[in-house]
Protein backbone atom coordinates (compact mmCIF):
# COMPACT_ATOMS: atom_id res chain seq x y z
CA UNK A 1 -30.69 -30.78 9.82
CA UNK A 2 -27.30 -29.55 11.05
CA UNK A 3 -26.07 -33.17 11.14
CA UNK A 4 -26.94 -33.48 7.44
CA UNK A 5 -25.14 -30.21 6.65
CA UNK A 6 -22.08 -31.47 8.50
CA UNK A 7 -22.01 -34.67 6.45
CA UNK A 8 -22.43 -32.79 3.17
CA UNK A 9 -19.66 -30.39 4.16
CA UNK A 10 -17.33 -33.26 5.12
CA UNK A 11 -18.04 -34.98 1.79
CA UNK A 12 -17.32 -31.74 -0.08
CA UNK A 13 -13.97 -31.32 1.70
CA UNK A 14 -12.96 -34.94 1.07
CA UNK A 15 -13.81 -34.56 -2.60
CA UNK A 16 -11.97 -31.25 -2.85
CA UNK A 17 -8.76 -32.64 -1.31
CA UNK A 18 -8.72 -35.54 -3.80
CA UNK A 19 -8.76 -33.21 -6.82
CA UNK A 20 -5.56 -32.45 -8.77
CA UNK A 21 -3.67 -29.42 -7.49
CA UNK A 22 -4.42 -27.18 -10.46
CA UNK A 23 -8.18 -27.84 -10.14
CA UNK A 24 -8.05 -27.00 -6.42
CA UNK A 25 -6.23 -23.72 -7.15
CA UNK A 26 -8.77 -22.78 -9.84
CA UNK A 27 -11.69 -23.49 -7.49
CA UNK A 28 -10.12 -21.43 -4.69
CA UNK A 29 -9.36 -18.53 -7.04
CA UNK A 30 -12.92 -18.62 -8.37
CA UNK A 31 -14.64 -18.50 -4.99
CA UNK A 32 -12.21 -16.56 -2.80
CA UNK A 33 -11.90 -12.78 -2.93
CA UNK A 34 -8.80 -11.58 -4.71
CA UNK A 35 -6.62 -8.76 -3.50
CA UNK A 36 -4.43 -6.38 -5.45
CA UNK A 37 -0.97 -5.82 -3.96
CA UNK A 38 0.69 -2.44 -4.02
CA UNK A 39 3.64 -0.79 -2.35
CA UNK A 40 3.79 2.61 -0.68
CA UNK A 41 6.87 4.68 0.20
CA UNK A 42 6.82 6.98 3.22
CA UNK A 43 9.89 9.13 2.63
CA UNK A 44 10.97 11.60 5.29
CA UNK A 45 13.94 13.79 6.00
CA UNK A 46 16.50 12.44 8.54
CA UNK A 47 15.04 14.66 11.30
CA UNK A 48 11.56 13.18 10.54
CA UNK A 49 10.04 16.67 10.35
CA UNK A 50 9.21 16.60 6.63
CA UNK A 51 7.50 14.08 4.35
CA UNK A 52 7.61 13.72 0.57
CA UNK A 53 4.14 13.99 -1.00
CA UNK A 54 2.71 13.94 -4.52
CA UNK A 55 -0.20 15.70 -6.15
CA UNK A 56 -1.72 13.59 -8.90
CA UNK A 57 -4.52 14.35 -11.37
CA UNK A 58 -7.15 15.56 -10.75
CA UNK A 59 -5.19 17.21 -7.93
CA UNK A 60 -7.85 16.90 -5.21
CA UNK A 61 -5.31 16.06 -2.52
CA UNK A 62 -1.75 15.03 -1.82
CA UNK A 63 -0.67 11.39 -1.63
CA UNK A 64 2.40 9.19 -1.20
CA UNK A 65 4.59 7.57 -3.86
CA UNK A 66 2.91 4.24 -4.51
CA UNK A 67 1.96 1.74 -7.18
CA UNK A 68 1.04 -1.81 -8.06
CA UNK A 69 3.56 -4.64 -8.00
CA UNK A 70 4.79 -6.00 -11.31
CA UNK A 71 4.98 -9.75 -11.77
CA UNK A 72 8.20 -11.10 -10.25
CA UNK A 73 8.85 -7.93 -8.25
CA UNK A 74 9.23 -7.80 -4.46
CA UNK A 75 7.28 -5.18 -2.49
CA UNK A 76 10.50 -3.30 -1.65
CA UNK A 77 11.46 -3.24 -5.33
CA UNK A 78 8.02 -1.87 -6.17
CA UNK A 79 8.30 0.88 -3.56
CA UNK A 80 11.77 1.88 -4.84
CA UNK A 81 10.64 1.77 -8.49
CA UNK A 82 7.52 3.86 -7.85
CA UNK A 83 9.50 6.39 -5.82
CA UNK A 84 11.92 6.79 -8.73
CA UNK A 85 9.22 6.91 -11.42
CA UNK A 86 7.11 9.46 -9.57
CA UNK A 87 9.74 11.75 -8.01
CA UNK A 88 13.09 11.03 -9.68
CA UNK A 89 14.52 9.89 -6.32
CA UNK A 90 16.50 6.70 -6.89
CA UNK A 91 17.05 4.45 -3.88
CA UNK A 92 18.06 0.80 -3.91
CA UNK A 93 15.33 -1.53 -2.58
CA UNK A 94 17.60 -2.33 0.40
CA UNK A 95 17.10 1.25 1.64
CA UNK A 96 13.33 0.71 1.80
CA UNK A 97 12.66 -0.46 5.38
CA UNK A 98 9.41 -2.29 6.12
CA UNK A 99 7.17 0.02 8.15
CA UNK A 100 5.39 -1.29 11.23
CA UNK A 101 2.78 -2.37 10.33
CA UNK A 102 4.21 -3.39 6.98
CA UNK A 103 0.91 -4.50 5.42
CA UNK A 104 -2.31 -2.52 5.49
CA UNK A 105 -5.25 -4.63 4.29
CA UNK A 106 -8.15 -2.71 2.75
CA UNK A 107 -10.97 -5.26 2.94
CA UNK A 108 -13.59 -2.97 1.40
CA UNK A 109 -11.51 -2.25 -1.68
CA UNK A 110 -9.75 -5.62 -1.61
CA UNK A 111 -6.18 -4.40 -1.85
CA UNK A 112 -3.11 -4.67 0.33
CA UNK A 113 -0.58 -1.87 0.72
CA UNK A 114 2.94 -3.01 1.60
CA UNK A 115 4.38 0.07 3.30
CA UNK A 116 8.05 1.02 3.40
CA UNK A 117 9.97 3.89 4.97
CA UNK A 118 13.15 5.69 3.96
CA UNK A 119 14.96 8.86 4.93
CA UNK A 120 16.72 11.16 2.48
CA UNK A 121 17.92 14.75 2.50
CA UNK A 122 15.23 16.98 0.99
CA UNK A 123 17.81 19.03 -0.95
CA UNK A 124 17.68 16.79 -4.02
CA UNK A 125 15.63 18.17 -6.92
CA UNK A 126 12.43 16.25 -7.54
CA UNK A 127 11.65 15.27 -11.13
CA UNK A 128 8.06 14.50 -12.17
CA UNK A 129 6.74 13.52 -15.59
CA UNK A 130 3.66 15.81 -15.35
CA UNK A 131 1.47 13.10 -16.91
CA UNK A 132 1.01 10.86 -13.87
CA UNK A 133 2.24 13.38 -11.28
CA UNK A 134 1.41 17.09 -11.20
CA UNK A 135 3.81 17.98 -8.42
CA UNK A 136 6.12 16.43 -5.83
CA UNK A 137 7.17 18.43 -2.78
CA UNK A 138 8.38 18.21 0.80
CA UNK A 139 5.87 19.18 3.49
CA UNK A 140 6.25 19.63 7.23
CA UNK A 141 4.64 16.72 9.11
CA UNK A 142 3.02 19.18 11.53
CA UNK A 143 1.57 21.32 8.70
CA UNK A 144 0.42 18.96 5.94
CA UNK A 145 -1.50 20.12 2.86
CA UNK A 146 -4.93 18.60 2.12
CA UNK A 147 -4.41 14.85 1.74
CA UNK A 148 -6.48 12.28 -0.11
CA UNK A 149 -8.71 10.26 2.23
CA UNK A 150 -6.81 7.04 1.51
CA UNK A 151 -3.48 8.76 2.27
CA UNK A 152 -4.88 10.22 5.50
CA UNK A 153 -6.11 6.79 6.56
CA UNK A 154 -2.82 5.10 5.73
CA UNK A 155 -0.68 7.72 7.49
CA UNK A 156 -2.84 7.39 10.63
CA UNK A 157 -1.32 3.91 11.12
CA UNK A 158 2.05 5.64 11.57
CA UNK A 159 0.89 8.51 13.79
CA UNK A 160 0.94 11.09 10.98
CA UNK A 161 -1.74 13.33 9.55
CA UNK A 162 -5.24 14.52 10.33
CA UNK A 163 -6.66 11.08 11.29
CA UNK A 164 -3.83 10.05 13.63
CA UNK A 165 -5.93 10.68 16.76
CA UNK A 166 -9.00 8.80 15.51
CA UNK A 167 -8.80 5.12 16.54
CA UNK A 168 -11.90 4.25 14.49
CA UNK A 169 -9.89 4.96 11.31
CA UNK A 170 -7.44 2.22 12.22
CA UNK A 171 -10.27 -0.27 12.73
CA UNK A 172 -11.83 0.30 9.30
């Protein structure tokens, strides 16, 4: 029985590889899970004691500046754009350093967060549009306000927040 399955599988692969490229891509896109790509900005003060957070509707917790990539945009450009749109802070994409790890894959939700870090002085006034963002503010890393679960999980990868000492969060 397994020998028969092996032959059928080999025939399927041979057939697949003979198809035109656009047909192969369509088949792969149809049967493979798709992931949404976003970019996240972790912005701290130069002393790394404060972090810039946002409160978005419905206001259940604080989160990080983040958003989905536009077509033709690099992840660093997305992080810089979202930071500017959501807080008024304008940084060139070159100032957005890839965090380590740079990509956080959320297999349950099928999205990938490309994470970037930057440091700025917290003295600059933050400007929010009050439609997408209720409030933007600096918070001490050792005294964070209530965070969204997804923000808590993401920050744990960088040793920040309430989940930082829970290794099972990093495995999920």
